[in-house]
Structures are given as C-alpha cells and as structure tokens.
Amino acid sequence: MKSNAKRKIFINNMITYGIVAAAYIIMQVLVGTGHVSSLLKGLLVPFCIYVIMAVSLNLTVGILGELSLGHAGFMCVGAFAGALFS
C-alpha cells in the first residue's frame, strides 16, 4: 500500500510538472510569434510574482497551520525580491 501511495503522488507531481512545462512552452511560442500584446507581456511578471506570494502564504498558513502572518510576510518579501531580481 505504501508503494501505491508513493506511485500516486509521483504521478500527480509529474502531471503538475507537465502542465507547467506545457504552459511555459505555449507562452514562449505565443511571445515569439507576436501573438501576445505588450500589455500582457507587462502583466506576466507581476502575475508570476503574485502567484509566488500566494503559494508562500498557502504554505505558511494552510499547510503548516501557523497563524503568524509575520513569517508569511517575510516569505512573501523574499519570494517577491527573488522573483524581481532573477
């Protein structure tokens, strides 16, 4: 049973990675061919940064169960700075 649970988690992770890779490839093709407007190009970076901040808040409050927003705030600032400077 333990092996079956690990296999299911592995398959779910691979599906998630595949969806992310497909979305990245599709966006690169659309940007490369000129089908994406400059407005959408400008909105992609803040959108990705907000997604990183939402995931860090979910990790701290949702999964870890902490109610301290100080930790989430520092995680969000770190994710924002890391995404902004990379």
Protein backbone atom coordinates (compact mmCIF):
# COMPACT_ATOMS: atom_id res chain seq x y z
CA MET A 1 0.00 0.00 0.00
CA LYS A 2 2.87 2.35 0.76
CA SER A 3 4.32 1.82 -2.70
CA ASN A 4 0.93 2.50 -4.31
CA ALA A 5 0.58 5.79 -2.41
CA LYS A 6 4.07 6.88 -3.42
CA ARG A 7 3.32 5.99 -7.04
CA LYS A 8 0.12 8.06 -6.97
CA ILE A 9 1.97 11.07 -5.52
CA PHE A 10 4.70 10.66 -8.12
CA ILE A 11 2.16 10.55 -10.96
CA ASN A 12 0.35 13.63 -9.62
CA ASN A 13 3.66 15.51 -9.38
CA MET A 14 4.63 14.56 -12.93
CA ILE A 15 1.24 15.71 -14.23
CA THR A 16 1.70 19.04 -12.47
CA TYR A 17 5.22 19.46 -13.85
CA GLY A 18 3.96 18.58 -17.33
CA ILE A 19 1.21 21.19 -17.16
CA VAL A 20 3.67 23.86 -16.01
CA ALA A 21 6.15 22.96 -18.75
CA ALA A 22 3.39 22.97 -21.39
CA ALA A 23 2.15 26.39 -20.22
CA TYR A 24 5.71 27.74 -20.39
CA ILE A 25 6.28 26.38 -23.89
CA ILE A 26 2.92 27.73 -25.11
CA MET A 27 3.66 31.20 -23.73
CA GLN A 28 7.14 31.20 -25.29
CA VAL A 29 5.69 30.26 -28.67
CA LEU A 30 3.00 32.94 -28.40
CA VAL A 31 5.52 35.61 -27.38
CA GLY A 32 7.94 34.52 -30.11
CA THR A 33 5.33 34.68 -32.85
CA GLY A 34 3.99 38.05 -31.71
CA HIS A 35 0.51 36.91 -30.67
CA VAL A 36 0.91 38.39 -27.18
CA SER A 37 0.34 42.11 -26.74
CA SER A 38 2.80 44.32 -24.90
CA LEU A 39 0.19 44.83 -22.16
CA LEU A 40 0.05 41.09 -21.48
CA LYS A 41 3.84 40.86 -21.54
CA GLY A 42 3.99 43.58 -18.90
CA LEU A 43 1.38 41.82 -16.76
CA LEU A 44 3.06 38.41 -16.83
CA VAL A 45 5.88 39.31 -14.41
CA PRO A 46 3.66 40.77 -11.66
CA PHE A 47 1.23 37.88 -12.13
CA CYS A 48 4.01 35.34 -11.58
CA ILE A 49 5.27 37.26 -8.55
CA TYR A 50 1.77 37.29 -7.05
CA VAL A 51 1.48 33.56 -7.64
CA ILE A 52 4.75 33.01 -5.76
CA MET A 53 3.50 35.15 -2.88
CA ALA A 54 0.17 33.28 -2.77
CA VAL A 55 1.92 29.91 -2.69
CA SER A 56 4.21 31.03 0.13
CA LEU A 57 1.21 32.28 2.13
CA ASN A 58 -0.59 28.98 1.50
CA LEU A 59 2.45 27.03 2.69
CA THR A 60 2.73 29.02 5.90
CA VAL A 61 -0.91 29.38 6.87
CA GLY A 62 -2.57 26.47 5.12
CA ILE A 63 -0.19 23.54 5.20
CA LEU A 64 1.96 24.39 8.23
CA GLY A 65 -1.00 25.64 10.24
CA GLU A 66 0.75 28.70 11.57
CA LEU A 67 -1.38 31.73 12.17
CA SER A 68 1.56 34.10 12.40
CA LEU A 69 1.49 36.38 9.40
CA GLY A 70 4.99 37.66 10.20
CA HIS A 71 6.54 34.51 8.78
CA ALA A 72 4.32 34.66 5.73
CA GLY A 73 5.22 38.31 5.25
CA PHE A 74 8.94 37.55 5.28
CA MET A 75 8.40 34.64 2.91
CA CYS A 76 6.40 36.86 0.58
CA VAL A 77 9.03 39.60 0.65
CA GLY A 78 11.74 37.03 -0.05
CA ALA A 79 9.77 35.48 -2.91
CA PHE A 80 8.99 38.91 -4.34
CA ALA A 81 12.64 40.03 -4.12
CA GLY A 82 13.89 36.72 -5.54
CA ALA A 83 11.50 36.86 -8.47
CA LEU A 84 12.16 40.53 -9.07
CA PHE A 85 15.96 40.20 -9.14
CA SER A 86 16.16 36.94 -11.08
